[in-house]
Amino acid sequence: MKRARQLTVALPNQPGALAGMCEALAAAKVNIRAISVVDSTEACLVRVVVDNPAAARKALAEKGLSACETLVRLVELPDRVGALAEMAGRLAKRKVNIHYVYGSAGPGQGKSVIVAEAESTR
């Protein structure tokens, strides 16, 4: 499993908030490799894995946004039925607790990439 640095940003749950954050990253030439947005009534939590976390943090700070940095795992899986179930089962047998997971499959690639934050409960 590869490791990556994920940034987590709290944004107001309103039109344009995510666009503004993404525009700030684009202006800083930061590429978003994975993203997850979880909303609530007043705010949303945005998790991003980017190609340059330091530049991303600077760009976000200049926009008045703070970001928490977390070390996450990047897991490449075959793009097929049951692949995530198998991975989760292997981690469970090793007593690893998965806090959250998000990911995607590229069209025609035959593989998917999952971002997971997990810890051993041993």
PDB file of N, CA and C in Angstrom:
ATOM      1  N   MET A   1       0.834  -1.181   0.000  1.00  0.00           N
ATOM      2  CA  MET A   1       0.000   0.000   0.000  1.00  0.00           C
ATOM      3  C   MET A   1       0.876   1.240   0.000  1.00  0.00           C
ATOM      4  N   LYS A   2       0.577   2.135  -0.904  1.00  0.00           N
ATOM      5  CA  LYS A   2       1.277   3.411  -0.923  1.00  0.00           C
ATOM      6  C   LYS A   2       0.656   4.322   0.122  1.00  0.00           C
ATOM      7  N   ARG A   3       1.445   5.265   0.594  1.00  0.00           N
ATOM      8  CA  ARG A   3       0.944   6.264   1.544  1.00  0.00           C
ATOM      9  C   ARG A   3       0.884   7.611   0.824  1.00  0.00           C
ATOM     10  N   ALA A   4      -0.035   8.453   1.256  1.00  0.00           N
ATOM     11  CA  ALA A   4      -0.171   9.801   0.703  1.00  0.00           C
ATOM     12  C   ALA A   4      -0.631  10.732   1.808  1.00  0.00           C
ATOM     13  N   ARG A   5      -0.443  11.997   1.578  1.00  0.00           N
ATOM     14  CA  ARG A   5      -0.929  13.008   2.523  1.00  0.00           C
ATOM     15  C   ARG A   5      -2.257  13.533   2.001  1.00  0.00           C
ATOM     16  N   GLN A   6      -3.256  13.471   2.864  1.00  0.00           N
ATOM     17  CA  GLN A   6      -4.594  13.953   2.542  1.00  0.00           C
ATOM     18  C   GLN A   6      -4.815  15.263   3.288  1.00  0.00           C
ATOM     19  N   LEU A   7      -5.441  16.215   2.637  1.00  0.00           N
ATOM     20  CA  LEU A   7      -5.817  17.465   3.289  1.00  0.00           C
ATOM     21  C   LEU A   7      -7.322  17.454   3.523  1.00  0.00           C
ATOM     22  N   THR A   8      -7.732  17.903   4.690  1.00  0.00           N
ATOM     23  CA  THR A   8      -9.151  17.996   5.022  1.00  0.00           C
ATOM     24  C   THR A   8      -9.482  19.457   5.285  1.00  0.00           C
ATOM     25  N   VAL A   9     -10.505  19.952   4.604  1.00  0.00           N
ATOM     26  CA  VAL A   9     -10.900  21.355   4.692  1.00  0.00           C
ATOM     27  C   VAL A   9     -12.394  21.422   4.990  1.00  0.00           C
ATOM     28  N   ALA A  10     -12.779  22.279   5.931  1.00  0.00           N
ATOM     29  CA  ALA A  10     -14.196  22.528   6.207  1.00  0.00           C
ATOM     30  C   ALA A  10     -14.627  23.741   5.388  1.00  0.00           C
ATOM     31  N   LEU A  11     -15.688  23.570   4.620  1.00  0.00           N
ATOM     32  CA  LEU A  11     -16.213  24.652   3.787  1.00  0.00           C
ATOM     33  C   LEU A  11     -17.670  24.919   4.152  1.00  0.00           C
ATOM     34  N   PRO A  12     -18.120  26.153   3.969  1.00  0.00           N
ATOM     35  CA  PRO A  12     -19.555  26.402   4.159  1.00  0.00           C
ATOM     36  C   PRO A  12     -20.337  25.648   3.092  1.00  0.00           C
ATOM     37  N   ASN A  13     -21.493  25.151   3.458  1.00  0.00           N
ATOM     38  CA  ASN A  13     -22.338  24.412   2.516  1.00  0.00           C
ATOM     39  C   ASN A  13     -23.178  25.417   1.736  1.00  0.00           C
ATOM     40  N   GLN A  14     -22.528  26.006   0.717  1.00  0.00           N
ATOM     41  CA  GLN A  14     -23.207  27.010  -0.101  1.00  0.00           C
ATOM     42  C   GLN A  14     -22.642  26.990  -1.519  1.00  0.00           C
ATOM     43  N   PRO A  15     -23.426  27.456  -2.484  1.00  0.00           N
ATOM     44  CA  PRO A  15     -22.957  27.454  -3.869  1.00  0.00           C
ATOM     45  C   PRO A  15     -21.635  28.215  -4.020  1.00  0.00           C
ATOM     46  N   GLY A  16     -20.706  27.631  -4.734  1.00  0.00           N
ATOM     47  CA  GLY A  16     -19.440  28.284  -5.032  1.00  0.00           C
ATOM     48  C   GLY A  16     -18.311  28.001  -4.068  1.00  0.00           C
ATOM     49  N   ALA A  17     -18.606  27.437  -2.894  1.00  0.00           N
ATOM     50  CA  ALA A  17     -17.548  27.199  -1.908  1.00  0.00           C
ATOM     51  C   ALA A  17     -16.540  26.174  -2.430  1.00  0.00           C
ATOM     52  N   LEU A  18     -17.017  25.061  -2.946  1.00  0.00           N
ATOM     53  CA  LEU A  18     -16.114  24.043  -3.471  1.00  0.00           C
ATOM     54  C   LEU A  18     -15.396  24.563  -4.721  1.00  0.00           C
ATOM     55  N   ALA A  19     -16.110  25.280  -5.558  1.00  0.00           N
ATOM     56  CA  ALA A  19     -15.494  25.844  -6.764  1.00  0.00           C
ATOM     57  C   ALA A  19     -14.348  26.773  -6.386  1.00  0.00           C
ATOM     58  N   GLY A  20     -14.544  27.618  -5.378  1.00  0.00           N
ATOM     59  CA  GLY A  20     -13.495  28.535  -4.943  1.00  0.00           C
ATOM     60  C   GLY A  20     -12.268  27.808  -4.438  1.00  0.00           C
ATOM     61  N   MET A  21     -12.485  26.736  -3.675  1.00  0.00           N
ATOM     62  CA  MET A  21     -11.358  25.953  -3.169  1.00  0.00           C
ATOM     63  C   MET A  21     -10.607  25.305  -4.330  1.00  0.00           C
ATOM     64  N   CYS A  22     -11.334  24.699  -5.260  1.00  0.00           N
ATOM     65  CA  CYS A  22     -10.707  24.029  -6.403  1.00  0.00           C
ATOM     66  C   CYS A  22     -10.003  25.030  -7.314  1.00  0.00           C
ATOM     67  N   GLU A  23     -10.574  26.207  -7.485  1.00  0.00           N
ATOM     68  CA  GLU A  23      -9.930  27.244  -8.290  1.00  0.00           C
ATOM     69  C   GLU A  23      -8.621  27.697  -7.658  1.00  0.00           C
ATOM     70  N   ALA A  24      -8.583  27.816  -6.323  1.00  0.00           N
ATOM     71  CA  ALA A  24      -7.353  28.206  -5.628  1.00  0.00           C
ATOM     72  C   ALA A  24      -6.267  27.154  -5.843  1.00  0.00           C
ATOM     73  N   LEU A  25      -6.638  25.886  -5.796  1.00  0.00           N
ATOM     74  CA  LEU A  25      -5.669  24.820  -6.032  1.00  0.00           C
ATOM     75  C   LEU A  25      -5.199  24.831  -7.489  1.00  0.00           C
ATOM     76  N   ALA A  26      -6.109  25.028  -8.415  1.00  0.00           N
ATOM     77  CA  ALA A  26      -5.747  25.077  -9.833  1.00  0.00           C
ATOM     78  C   ALA A  26      -4.797  26.242 -10.117  1.00  0.00           C
ATOM     79  N   ALA A  27      -5.075  27.403  -9.532  1.00  0.00           N
ATOM     80  CA  ALA A  27      -4.217  28.570  -9.737  1.00  0.00           C
ATOM     81  C   ALA A  27      -2.802  28.318  -9.220  1.00  0.00           C
ATOM     82  N   ALA A  28      -2.682  27.470  -8.193  1.00  0.00           N
ATOM     83  CA  ALA A  28      -1.374  27.124  -7.628  1.00  0.00           C
ATOM     84  C   ALA A  28      -0.754  25.923  -8.352  1.00  0.00           C
ATOM     85  N   LYS A  29      -1.394  25.481  -9.434  1.00  0.00           N
ATOM     86  CA  LYS A  29      -0.909  24.335 -10.222  1.00  0.00           C
ATOM     87  C   LYS A  29      -0.885  23.039  -9.418  1.00  0.00           C
ATOM     88  N   VAL A  30      -1.849  22.886  -8.510  1.00  0.00           N
ATOM     89  CA  VAL A  30      -1.974  21.683  -7.689  1.00  0.00           C
ATOM     90  C   VAL A  30      -3.039  20.793  -8.322  1.00  0.00           C
ATOM     91  N   ASN A  31      -2.674  19.540  -8.566  1.00  0.00           N
ATOM     92  CA  ASN A  31      -3.595  18.582  -9.173  1.00  0.00           C
ATOM     93  C   ASN A  31      -4.296  17.771  -8.079  1.00  0.00           C
ATOM     94  N   ILE A  32      -5.614  17.708  -8.163  1.00  0.00           N
ATOM     95  CA  ILE A  32      -6.398  16.898  -7.232  1.00  0.00           C
ATOM     96  C   ILE A  32      -6.430  15.477  -7.784  1.00  0.00           C
ATOM     97  N   ARG A  33      -5.952  14.517  -6.987  1.00  0.00           N
ATOM     98  CA  ARG A  33      -5.918  13.117  -7.421  1.00  0.00           C
ATOM     99  C   ARG A  33      -7.114  12.324  -6.908  1.00  0.00           C
ATOM    100  N   ALA A  34      -7.663  12.738  -5.781  1.00  0.00           N
ATOM    101  CA  ALA A  34      -8.853  12.085  -5.218  1.00  0.00           C
ATOM    102  C   ALA A  34      -9.577  13.120  -4.373  1.00  0.00           C
ATOM    103  N   ILE A  35     -10.892  13.023  -4.327  1.00  0.00           N
ATOM    104  CA  ILE A  35     -11.684  13.974  -3.533  1.00  0.00           C
ATOM    105  C   ILE A  35     -12.921  13.286  -2.968  1.00  0.00           C
ATOM    106  N   SER A  36     -13.276  13.691  -1.762  1.00  0.00           N
ATOM    107  CA  SER A  36     -14.498  13.242  -1.109  1.00  0.00           C
ATOM    108  C   SER A  36     -15.124  14.465  -0.448  1.00  0.00           C
ATOM    109  N   VAL A  37     -16.419  14.635  -0.624  1.00  0.00           N
ATOM    110  CA  VAL A  37     -17.136  15.738   0.012  1.00  0.00           C
ATOM    111  C   VAL A  37     -18.305  15.142   0.787  1.00  0.00           C
ATOM    112  N   VAL A  38     -18.338  15.433   2.080  1.00  0.00           N
ATOM    113  CA  VAL A  38     -19.436  14.985   2.936  1.00  0.00           C
ATOM    114  C   VAL A  38     -20.106  16.239   3.478  1.00  0.00           C
ATOM    115  N   ASP A  39     -21.410  16.346   3.260  1.00  0.00           N
ATOM    116  CA  ASP A  39     -22.090  17.569   3.672  1.00  0.00           C
ATOM    117  C   ASP A  39     -22.934  17.377   4.920  1.00  0.00           C
ATOM    118  N   SER A  40     -23.205  18.507   5.553  1.00  0.00           N
ATOM    119  CA  SER A  40     -24.187  18.592   6.628  1.00  0.00           C
ATOM    120  C   SER A  40     -24.977  19.861   6.335  1.00  0.00           C
ATOM    121  N   THR A  41     -25.823  20.253   7.219  1.00  0.00           N
ATOM    122  CA  THR A  41     -26.680  21.402   6.955  1.00  0.00           C
ATOM    123  C   THR A  41     -25.889  22.680   6.717  1.00  0.00           C
ATOM    124  N   GLU A  42     -24.903  22.956   7.548  1.00  0.00           N
ATOM    125  CA  GLU A  42     -24.210  24.240   7.486  1.00  0.00           C
ATOM    126  C   GLU A  42     -22.823  24.180   6.872  1.00  0.00           C
ATOM    127  N   ALA A  43     -22.199  23.019   6.860  1.00  0.00           N
ATOM    128  CA  ALA A  43     -20.823  22.917   6.377  1.00  0.00           C
ATOM    129  C   ALA A  43     -20.623  21.605   5.637  1.00  0.00           C
ATOM    130  N   CYS A  44     -19.511  21.531   4.951  1.00  0.00           N
ATOM    131  CA  CYS A  44     -19.140  20.263   4.336  1.00  0.00           C
ATOM    132  C   CYS A  44     -17.661  20.012   4.617  1.00  0.00           C
ATOM    133  N   LEU A  45     -17.314  18.759   4.672  1.00  0.00           N
ATOM    134  CA  LEU A  45     -15.955  18.333   4.935  1.00  0.00           C
ATOM    135  C   LEU A  45     -15.391  17.813   3.621  1.00  0.00           C
ATOM    136  N   VAL A  46     -14.324  18.446   3.151  1.00  0.00           N
ATOM    137  CA  VAL A  46     -13.704  18.073   1.883  1.00  0.00           C
ATOM    138  C   VAL A  46     -12.368  17.414   2.187  1.00  0.00           C
ATOM    139  N   ARG A  47     -12.200  16.208   1.688  1.00  0.00           N
ATOM    140  CA  ARG A  47     -10.925  15.495   1.806  1.00  0.00           C
ATOM    141  C   ARG A  47     -10.340  15.401   0.409  1.00  0.00           C
ATOM    142  N   VAL A  48      -9.073  15.804   0.265  1.00  0.00           N
ATOM    143  CA  VAL A  48      -8.413  15.743  -1.035  1.00  0.00           C
ATOM    144  C   VAL A  48      -7.022  15.147  -0.898  1.00  0.00           C
ATOM    145  N   VAL A  49      -6.673  14.341  -1.884  1.00  0.00           N
ATOM    146  CA  VAL A  49      -5.292  13.889  -2.046  1.00  0.00           C
ATOM    147  C   VAL A  49      -4.801  14.640  -3.275  1.00  0.00           C
ATOM    148  N   VAL A  50      -3.701  15.360  -3.110  1.00  0.00           N
ATOM    149  CA  VAL A  50      -3.171  16.199  -4.182  1.00  0.00           C
ATOM    150  C   VAL A  50      -1.729  15.818  -4.491  1.00  0.00           C
ATOM    151  N   ASP A  51      -1.228  16.325  -5.607  1.00  0.00           N
ATOM    152  CA  ASP A  51       0.140  16.002  -5.993  1.00  0.00           C
ATOM    153  C   ASP A  51       1.192  16.815  -5.243  1.00  0.00           C
ATOM    154  N   ASN A  52       0.795  17.929  -4.622  1.00  0.00           N
ATOM    155  CA  ASN A  52       1.744  18.777  -3.897  1.00  0.00           C
ATOM    156  C   ASN A  52       1.060  19.339  -2.645  1.00  0.00           C
ATOM    157  N   PRO A  53       1.064  18.601  -1.537  1.00  0.00           N
ATOM    158  CA  PRO A  53       0.361  19.053  -0.335  1.00  0.00           C
ATOM    159  C   PRO A  53       0.851  20.399   0.211  1.00  0.00           C
ATOM    160  N   ALA A  54       2.153  20.670   0.137  1.00  0.00           N
ATOM    161  CA  ALA A  54       2.678  21.937   0.661  1.00  0.00           C
ATOM    162  C   ALA A  54       2.131  23.120  -0.137  1.00  0.00           C
ATOM    163  N   ALA A  55       2.146  23.018  -1.448  1.00  0.00           N
ATOM    164  CA  ALA A  55       1.603  24.091  -2.290  1.00  0.00           C
ATOM    165  C   ALA A  55       0.101  24.231  -2.076  1.00  0.00           C
ATOM    166  N   ALA A  56      -0.575  23.121  -1.877  1.00  0.00           N
ATOM    167  CA  ALA A  56      -2.023  23.159  -1.633  1.00  0.00           C
ATOM    168  C   ALA A  56      -2.330  23.874  -0.316  1.00  0.00           C
ATOM    169  N   ARG A  57      -1.585  23.538   0.738  1.00  0.00           N
ATOM    170  CA  ARG A  57      -1.814  24.192   2.039  1.00  0.00           C
ATOM    171  C   ARG A  57      -1.595  25.700   1.929  1.00  0.00           C
ATOM    172  N   LYS A  58      -0.557  26.104   1.197  1.00  0.00           N
ATOM    173  CA  LYS A  58      -0.270  27.527   1.016  1.00  0.00           C
ATOM    174  C   LYS A  58      -1.393  28.215   0.253  1.00  0.00           C
ATOM    175  N   ALA A  59      -1.852  27.599  -0.838  1.00  0.00           N
ATOM    176  CA  ALA A  59      -2.931  28.174  -1.641  1.00  0.00           C
ATOM    177  C   ALA A  59      -4.222  28.295  -0.828  1.00  0.00           C
ATOM    178  N   LEU A  60      -4.508  27.271  -0.031  1.00  0.00           N
ATOM    179  CA  LEU A  60      -5.713  27.303   0.802  1.00  0.00           C
ATOM    180  C   LEU A  60      -5.603  28.372   1.882  1.00  0.00           C
ATOM    181  N   ALA A  61      -4.432  28.489   2.491  1.00  0.00           N
ATOM    182  CA  ALA A  61      -4.219  29.503   3.537  1.00  0.00           C
ATOM    183  C   ALA A  61      -4.401  30.906   2.960  1.00  0.00           C
ATOM    184  N   GLU A  62      -3.905  31.123   1.743  1.00  0.00           N
ATOM    185  CA  GLU A  62      -4.058  32.438   1.101  1.00  0.00           C
ATOM    186  C   GLU A  62      -5.521  32.759   0.826  1.00  0.00           C
ATOM    187  N   LYS A  63      -6.350  31.734   0.741  1.00  0.00           N
ATOM    188  CA  LYS A  63      -7.792  31.922   0.544  1.00  0.00           C
ATOM    189  C   LYS A  63      -8.537  31.982   1.881  1.00  0.00           C
ATOM    190  N   GLY A  64      -7.785  31.885   2.982  1.00  0.00           N
ATOM    191  CA  GLY A  64      -8.394  31.941   4.313  1.00  0.00           C
ATOM    192  C   GLY A  64      -8.923  30.607   4.795  1.00  0.00           C
ATOM    193  N   LEU A  65      -8.476  29.516   4.182  1.00  0.00           N
ATOM    194  CA  LEU A  65      -8.938  28.182   4.559  1.00  0.00           C
ATOM    195  C   LEU A  65      -7.821  27.430   5.258  1.00  0.00           C
ATOM    196  N   SER A  66      -8.163  26.759   6.325  1.00  0.00           N
ATOM    197  CA  SER A  66      -7.155  25.935   6.994  1.00  0.00           C
ATOM    198  C   SER A  66      -7.397  24.474   6.617  1.00  0.00           C
ATOM    199  N   ALA A  67      -6.306  23.716   6.608  1.00  0.00           N
ATOM    200  CA  ALA A  67      -6.387  22.314   6.215  1.00  0.00           C
ATOM    201  C   ALA A  67      -5.652  21.463   7.232  1.00  0.00           C
ATOM    202  N   CYS A  68      -6.268  20.368   7.608  1.00  0.00           N
ATOM    203  CA  CYS A  68      -5.615  19.367   8.455  1.00  0.00           C
ATOM    204  C   CYS A  68      -4.985  18.345   7.525  1.00  0.00           C
ATOM    205  N   GLU A  69      -3.803  17.872   7.872  1.00  0.00           N
ATOM    206  CA  GLU A  69      -3.101  16.904   7.050  1.00  0.00           C
ATOM    207  C   GLU A  69      -3.093  15.552   7.752  1.00  0.00           C
ATOM    208  N   THR A  70      -3.425  14.510   7.010  1.00  0.00           N
ATOM    209  CA  THR A  70      -3.487  13.145   7.532  1.00  0.00           C
ATOM    210  C   THR A  70      -2.755  12.218   6.575  1.00  0.00           C
ATOM    211  N   LEU A  71      -2.051  11.267   7.140  1.00  0.00           N
ATOM    212  CA  LEU A  71      -1.418  10.242   6.321  1.00  0.00           C
ATOM    213  C   LEU A  71      -2.461   9.159   6.032  1.00  0.00           C
ATOM    214  N   VAL A  72      -2.681   8.872   4.758  1.00  0.00           N
ATOM    215  CA  VAL A  72      -3.664   7.864   4.349  1.00  0.00           C
ATOM    216  C   VAL A  72      -2.992   6.809   3.487  1.00  0.00           C
ATOM    217  N   ARG A  73      -3.695   5.736   3.257  1.00  0.00           N
ATOM    218  CA  ARG A  73      -3.212   4.654   2.403  1.00  0.00           C
ATOM    219  C   ARG A  73      -3.895   4.742   1.045  1.00  0.00           C
ATOM    220  N   LEU A  74      -3.126   4.532  -0.009  1.00  0.00           N
ATOM    221  CA  LEU A  74      -3.683   4.426  -1.351  1.00  0.00           C
ATOM    222  C   LEU A  74      -3.572   2.961  -1.751  1.00  0.00           C
ATOM    223  N   VAL A  75      -4.687   2.370  -2.035  1.00  0.00           N
ATOM    224  CA  VAL A  75      -4.722   0.947  -2.341  1.00  0.00           C
ATOM    225  C   VAL A  75      -5.212   0.773  -3.770  1.00  0.00           C
ATOM    226  N   GLU A  76      -4.399   0.150  -4.602  1.00  0.00           N
ATOM    227  CA  GLU A  76      -4.816  -0.134  -5.964  1.00  0.00           C
ATOM    228  C   GLU A  76      -5.475  -1.504  -5.987  1.00  0.00           C
ATOM    229  N   LEU A  77      -6.699  -1.540  -6.490  1.00  0.00           N
ATOM    230  CA  LEU A  77      -7.480  -2.774  -6.552  1.00  0.00           C
ATOM    231  C   LEU A  77      -7.878  -3.060  -7.985  1.00  0.00           C
ATOM    232  N   PRO A  78      -8.085  -4.317  -8.309  1.00  0.00           N
ATOM    233  CA  PRO A  78      -8.640  -4.614  -9.634  1.00  0.00           C
ATOM    234  C   PRO A  78     -10.073  -4.082  -9.695  1.00  0.00           C
ATOM    235  N   ASP A  79     -10.484  -3.589 -10.838  1.00  0.00           N
ATOM    236  CA  ASP A  79     -11.830  -3.061 -11.025  1.00  0.00           C
ATOM    237  C   ASP A  79     -12.762  -4.232 -11.332  1.00  0.00           C
ATOM    238  N   ARG A  80     -13.176  -4.921 -10.238  1.00  0.00           N
ATOM    239  CA  ARG A  80     -14.059  -6.071 -10.402  1.00  0.00           C
ATOM    240  C   ARG A  80     -14.907  -6.249  -9.142  1.00  0.00           C
ATOM    241  N   VAL A  81     -15.976  -6.956  -9.296  1.00  0.00           N
ATOM    242  CA  VAL A  81     -16.888  -7.221  -8.193  1.00  0.00           C
ATOM    243  C   VAL A  81     -16.150  -7.945  -7.063  1.00  0.00           C
ATOM    244  N   GLY A  82     -16.303  -7.457  -5.855  1.00  0.00           N
ATOM    245  CA  GLY A  82     -15.759  -8.112  -4.676  1.00  0.00           C
ATOM    246  C   GLY A  82     -14.359  -7.695  -4.275  1.00  0.00           C
ATOM    247  N   ALA A  83     -13.685  -6.880  -5.074  1.00  0.00           N
ATOM    248  CA  ALA A  83     -12.300  -6.505  -4.754  1.00  0.00           C
ATOM    249  C   ALA A  83     -12.220  -5.732  -3.435  1.00  0.00           C
ATOM    250  N   LEU A  84     -13.116  -4.784  -3.227  1.00  0.00           N
ATOM    251  CA  LEU A  84     -13.100  -4.018  -1.980  1.00  0.00           C
ATOM    252  C   LEU A  84     -13.476  -4.902  -0.790  1.00  0.00           C
ATOM    253  N   ALA A  85     -14.408  -5.810  -0.982  1.00  0.00           N
ATOM    254  CA  ALA A  85     -14.791  -6.735   0.091  1.00  0.00           C
ATOM    255  C   ALA A  85     -13.599  -7.582   0.520  1.00  0.00           C
ATOM    256  N   GLU A  86     -12.827  -8.050  -0.440  1.00  0.00           N
ATOM    257  CA  GLU A  86     -11.639  -8.854  -0.119  1.00  0.00           C
ATOM    258  C   GLU A  86     -10.615  -8.043   0.653  1.00  0.00           C
ATOM    259  N   MET A  87     -10.347  -6.803   0.211  1.00  0.00           N
ATOM    260  CA  MET A  87      -9.382  -5.958   0.905  1.00  0.00           C
ATOM    261  C   MET A  87      -9.836  -5.663   2.337  1.00  0.00           C
ATOM    262  N   ALA A  88     -11.102  -5.296   2.489  1.00  0.00           N
ATOM    263  CA  ALA A  88     -11.633  -4.987   3.813  1.00  0.00           C
ATOM    264  C   ALA A  88     -11.573  -6.219   4.717  1.00  0.00           C
ATOM    265  N   GLY A  89     -11.840  -7.385   4.164  1.00  0.00           N
ATOM    266  CA  GLY A  89     -11.764  -8.634   4.932  1.00  0.00           C
ATOM    267  C   GLY A  89     -10.353  -8.934   5.409  1.00  0.00           C
ATOM    268  N   ARG A  90      -9.366  -8.722   4.522  1.00  0.00           N
ATOM    269  CA  ARG A  90      -7.964  -8.944   4.928  1.00  0.00           C
ATOM    270  C   ARG A  90      -7.564  -8.006   6.053  1.00  0.00           C
ATOM    271  N   LEU A  91      -7.981  -6.740   5.956  1.00  0.00           N
ATOM    272  CA  LEU A  91      -7.654  -5.784   7.018  1.00  0.00           C
ATOM    273  C   LEU A  91      -8.357  -6.150   8.328  1.00  0.00           C
ATOM    274  N   ALA A  92      -9.596  -6.595   8.237  1.00  0.00           N
ATOM    275  CA  ALA A  92     -10.338  -6.990   9.447  1.00  0.00           C
ATOM    276  C   ALA A  92      -9.645  -8.152  10.149  1.00  0.00           C
ATOM    277  N   LYS A  93      -9.161  -9.121   9.376  1.00  0.00           N
ATOM    278  CA  LYS A  93      -8.456 -10.263   9.968  1.00  0.00           C
ATOM    279  C   LYS A  93      -7.187  -9.822  10.687  1.00  0.00           C
ATOM    280  N   ARG A  94      -6.593  -8.726  10.227  1.00  0.00           N
ATOM    281  CA  ARG A  94      -5.387  -8.188  10.871  1.00  0.00           C
ATOM    282  C   ARG A  94      -5.729  -7.175  11.951  1.00  0.00           C
ATOM    283  N   LYS A  95      -7.022  -7.076  12.301  1.00  0.00           N
ATOM    284  CA  LYS A  95      -7.513  -6.162  13.341  1.00  0.00           C
ATOM    285  C   LYS A  95      -7.249  -4.693  13.003  1.00  0.00           C
ATOM    286  N   VAL A  96      -7.375  -4.344  11.717  1.00  0.00           N
ATOM    287  CA  VAL A  96      -7.223  -2.964  11.272  1.00  0.00           C
ATOM    288  C   VAL A  96      -8.610  -2.370  11.100  1.00  0.00           C
ATOM    289  N   ASN A  97      -8.864  -1.250  11.770  1.00  0.00           N
ATOM    290  CA  ASN A  97     -10.153  -0.573  11.704  1.00  0.00           C
ATOM    291  C   ASN A  97     -10.118   0.483  10.601  1.00  0.00           C
ATOM    292  N   ILE A  98     -11.044   0.419   9.670  1.00  0.00           N
ATOM    293  CA  ILE A  98     -11.138   1.398   8.583  1.00  0.00           C
ATOM    294  C   ILE A  98     -12.078   2.506   9.035  1.00  0.00           C
ATOM    295  N   HIS A  99     -11.556   3.725   9.131  1.00  0.00           N
ATOM    296  CA  HIS A  99     -12.365   4.870   9.558  1.00  0.00           C
ATOM    297  C   HIS A  99     -13.221   5.414   8.419  1.00  0.00           C
ATOM    298  N   TYR A 100     -12.657   5.493   7.240  1.00  0.00           N
ATOM    299  CA  TYR A 100     -13.410   5.907   6.063  1.00  0.00           C
ATOM    300  C   TYR A 100     -12.662   5.456   4.825  1.00  0.00           C
ATOM    301  N   VAL A 101     -13.370   5.439   3.708  1.00  0.00           N
ATOM    302  CA  VAL A 101     -12.782   5.030   2.441  1.00  0.00           C
ATOM    303  C   VAL A 101     -13.514   5.759   1.318  1.00  0.00           C
ATOM    304  N   TYR A 102     -12.783   6.140   0.302  1.00  0.00           N
ATOM    305  CA  TYR A 102     -13.384   6.688  -0.907  1.00  0.00           C
ATOM    306  C   TYR A 102     -12.465   6.361  -2.071  1.00  0.00           C
ATOM    307  N   GLY A 103     -12.983   6.398  -3.277  1.00  0.00           N
ATOM    308  CA  GLY A 103     -12.146   6.055  -4.408  1.00  0.00           C
ATOM    309  C   GLY A 103     -12.899   6.087  -5.708  1.00  0.00           C
ATOM    310  N   SER A 104     -12.209   5.630  -6.753  1.00  0.00           N
ATOM    311  CA  SER A 104     -12.822   5.630  -8.062  1.00  0.00           C
ATOM    312  C   SER A 104     -12.109   4.645  -8.977  1.00  0.00           C
ATOM    313  N   ALA A 105     -12.763   4.361 -10.077  1.00  0.00           N
ATOM    314  CA  ALA A 105     -12.174   3.511 -11.108  1.00  0.00           C
ATOM    315  C   ALA A 105     -12.104   4.321 -12.385  1.00  0.00           C
ATOM    316  N   GLY A 106     -10.963   4.300 -13.031  1.00  0.00           N
ATOM    317  CA  GLY A 106     -10.831   4.980 -14.315  1.00  0.00           C
ATOM    318  C   GLY A 106     -11.465   4.136 -15.404  1.00  0.00           C
ATOM    319  N   PRO A 107     -12.143   4.743 -16.347  1.00  0.00           N
ATOM    320  CA  PRO A 107     -12.787   3.968 -17.406  1.00  0.00           C
ATOM    321  C   PRO A 107     -11.756   3.208 -18.239  1.00  0.00           C
ATOM    322  N   GLY A 108     -11.994   1.919 -18.390  1.00  0.00           N
ATOM    323  CA  GLY A 108     -11.129   1.106 -19.224  1.00  0.00           C
ATOM    324  C   GLY A 108      -9.758   0.799 -18.636  1.00  0.00           C
ATOM    325  N   GLN A 109      -9.500   1.228 -17.437  1.00  0.00           N
ATOM    326  CA  GLN A 109      -8.186   1.028 -16.841  1.00  0.00           C
ATOM    327  C   GLN A 109      -8.016  -0.361 -16.232  1.00  0.00           C
ATOM    328  N   GLY A 110      -9.116  -0.963 -15.796  1.00  0.00           N
ATOM    329  CA  GLY A 110      -9.046  -2.272 -15.170  1.00  0.00           C
ATOM    330  C   GLY A 110      -8.613  -2.233 -13.729  1.00  0.00           C
ATOM    331  N   LYS A 111      -8.379  -1.037 -13.191  1.00  0.00           N
ATOM    332  CA  LYS A 111      -7.968  -0.892 -11.797  1.00  0.00           C
ATOM    333  C   LYS A 111      -8.726   0.271 -11.167  1.00  0.00           C
ATOM    334  N   SER A 112      -8.820   0.229  -9.860  1.00  0.00           N
ATOM    335  CA  SER A 112      -9.398   1.347  -9.131  1.00  0.00           C
ATOM    336  C   SER A 112      -8.419   1.730  -8.026  1.00  0.00           C
ATOM    337  N   VAL A 113      -8.540   2.942  -7.546  1.00  0.00           N
ATOM    338  CA  VAL A 113      -7.698   3.403  -6.443  1.00  0.00           C
ATOM    339  C   VAL A 113      -8.608   3.792  -5.302  1.00  0.00           C
ATOM    340  N   ILE A 114      -8.316   3.255  -4.137  1.00  0.00           N
ATOM    341  CA  ILE A 114      -9.092   3.519  -2.934  1.00  0.00           C
ATOM    342  C   ILE A 114      -8.220   4.306  -1.969  1.00  0.00           C
ATOM    343  N   VAL A 115      -8.784   5.333  -1.355  1.00  0.00           N
ATOM    344  CA  VAL A 115      -8.106   6.088  -0.305  1.00  0.00           C
ATOM    345  C   VAL A 115      -8.729   5.651   1.004  1.00  0.00           C
ATOM    346  N   ALA A 116      -7.908   5.243   1.967  1.00  0.00           N
ATOM    347  CA  ALA A 116      -8.438   4.754   3.241  1.00  0.00           C
ATOM    348  C   ALA A 116      -7.642   5.309   4.397  1.00  0.00           C
ATOM    349  N   GLU A 117      -8.338   5.634   5.464  1.00  0.00           N
ATOM    350  CA  GLU A 117      -7.687   6.017   6.717  1.00  0.00           C
ATOM    351  C   GLU A 117      -8.038   4.916   7.688  1.00  0.00           C
ATOM    352  N   ALA A 118      -7.026   4.264   8.204  1.00  0.00           N
ATOM    353  CA  ALA A 118      -7.255   3.100   9.047  1.00  0.00           C
ATOM    354  C   ALA A 118      -6.183   3.021  10.106  1.00  0.00           C
ATOM    355  N   GLU A 119      -6.492   2.304  11.183  1.00  0.00           N
ATOM    356  CA  GLU A 119      -5.504   2.097  12.236  1.00  0.00           C
ATOM    357  C   GLU A 119      -5.665   0.703  12.792  1.00  0.00           C
ATOM    358  N   SER A 120      -4.577   0.176  13.272  1.00  0.00           N
ATOM    359  CA  SER A 120      -4.605  -1.145  13.890  1.00  0.00           C
ATOM    360  C   SER A 120      -5.195  -1.015  15.278  1.00  0.00           C
ATOM    361  N   THR A 121      -6.054  -1.959  15.664  1.00  0.00           N
ATOM    362  CA  THR A 121      -6.659  -1.941  16.992  1.00  0.00           C
ATOM    363  C   THR A 121      -5.938  -2.901  17.916  1.00  0.00           C
ATOM    364  N   ARG A 122      -4.837  -3.459  17.488  1.00  0.00           N
ATOM    365  CA  ARG A 122      -4.072  -4.405  18.313  1.00  0.00           C
ATOM    366  C   ARG A 122      -3.339  -3.688  19.409  1.00  0.00           C
TER     367      ARG A 122
END
